[in-house]
Protein backbone atom coordinates (compact mmCIF):
# COMPACT_ATOMS: atom_id res chain seq x y z
CA MET A 1 177.07 12.55 157.70
CA PRO A 2 175.93 14.07 154.57
CA GLU A 3 174.23 11.84 151.70
CA HIS A 4 176.00 12.73 148.92
CA LYS A 5 179.29 12.93 147.97
CA CYS A 6 181.31 16.38 147.87
CA THR A 7 181.42 18.45 145.03
CA PHE A 8 183.32 21.87 143.73
CA GLY A 9 180.15 24.71 143.81
CA ASP A 10 176.38 23.73 144.06
CA GLU A 11 174.06 22.39 142.10
CA ILE A 12 173.99 25.07 139.61
CA THR A 13 177.57 26.26 139.76
CA ARG A 14 179.06 22.63 139.84
CA ILE A 15 182.33 22.43 138.26
CA THR A 16 184.81 19.22 137.50
CA ILE A 17 188.92 19.72 137.65
CA LYS A 18 191.13 17.56 135.54
CA PRO A 19 194.63 18.23 136.72
CA ASP A 20 196.51 16.29 133.88
CA GLY A 21 193.24 16.91 131.64
CA ARG A 22 191.70 13.20 132.62
CA SER A 23 191.78 12.53 135.99
CA GLU A 24 189.28 14.09 137.98
CA LEU A 25 190.14 15.82 141.32
CA ASP A 26 188.41 14.59 144.05
CA PRO A 27 186.75 17.35 146.54
CA CYS A 28 186.72 15.22 149.38
CA LEU A 29 189.07 15.58 152.53
CA TYR A 30 189.62 12.50 153.67
CA GLN A 31 190.56 11.10 157.38
CA GLU A 32 192.06 7.45 158.04
CA ILE A 33 189.28 6.19 160.13
CA GLU A 34 191.08 2.27 160.15
CA ALA A 35 194.15 0.75 159.17
CA TYR A 36 194.87 -2.78 158.89
CA GLU A 37 198.08 -5.35 157.75
CA ASN A 38 197.50 -8.51 156.09
CA VAL A 39 194.54 -7.69 153.97
CA THR A 40 193.53 -9.04 150.44
CA VAL A 41 193.06 -5.54 148.15
CA HIS A 42 190.82 -5.85 144.94
CA ILE A 43 191.16 -3.08 142.63
CA MET A 44 188.61 -3.17 139.82
CA ARG A 45 187.86 -1.48 136.61
CA CYS A 46 184.64 -1.32 134.68
CA ALA A 47 184.87 -2.88 131.03
CA ARG A 48 182.57 -0.39 129.63
CA CYS A 49 183.40 3.08 131.47
CA GLY A 50 186.86 2.69 133.01
CA HIS A 51 185.52 3.78 136.38
CA ILE A 52 187.74 2.30 139.08
CA GLU A 53 186.69 0.47 142.28
CA VAL A 54 188.62 -0.48 145.06
CA GLU A 55 187.66 -3.03 147.98
CA TRP A 56 189.45 -5.09 150.45
CA GLU A 57 188.91 -8.52 152.28
CA ARG A 58 190.31 -9.69 155.85
CA GLN A 59 192.59 -12.56 155.80
CA ASP A 60 193.15 -15.25 158.38
CA ASN A 61 196.18 -13.12 159.45
CA THR A 62 194.52 -9.55 159.45
CA ILE A 63 195.65 -7.14 162.48
CA ASP A 64 193.55 -4.03 163.04
CA ILE A 65 196.67 -0.94 163.65
CA THR A 66 193.99 1.63 163.94
CA GLU A 67 195.17 4.33 166.18
CA VAL A 68 192.36 6.62 167.51
CA THR A 69 193.28 9.98 168.11
CA GLU A 70 190.02 12.04 168.64
């Protein structure tokens, strides 16, 4: 697995794309690897810079609904 997050361009020609003029477009191509029902989701924003972070935790009734398709 790569050690660094995807980017548009290389280190010299890297660009940032903001389709709405504010939010940065994520260059990653995501594939779902796990799915769960009945979890607690925490969406947090940094009070200083506004960065958003998402975390989740299992509950007593969490169900793994992951469909393995390889």
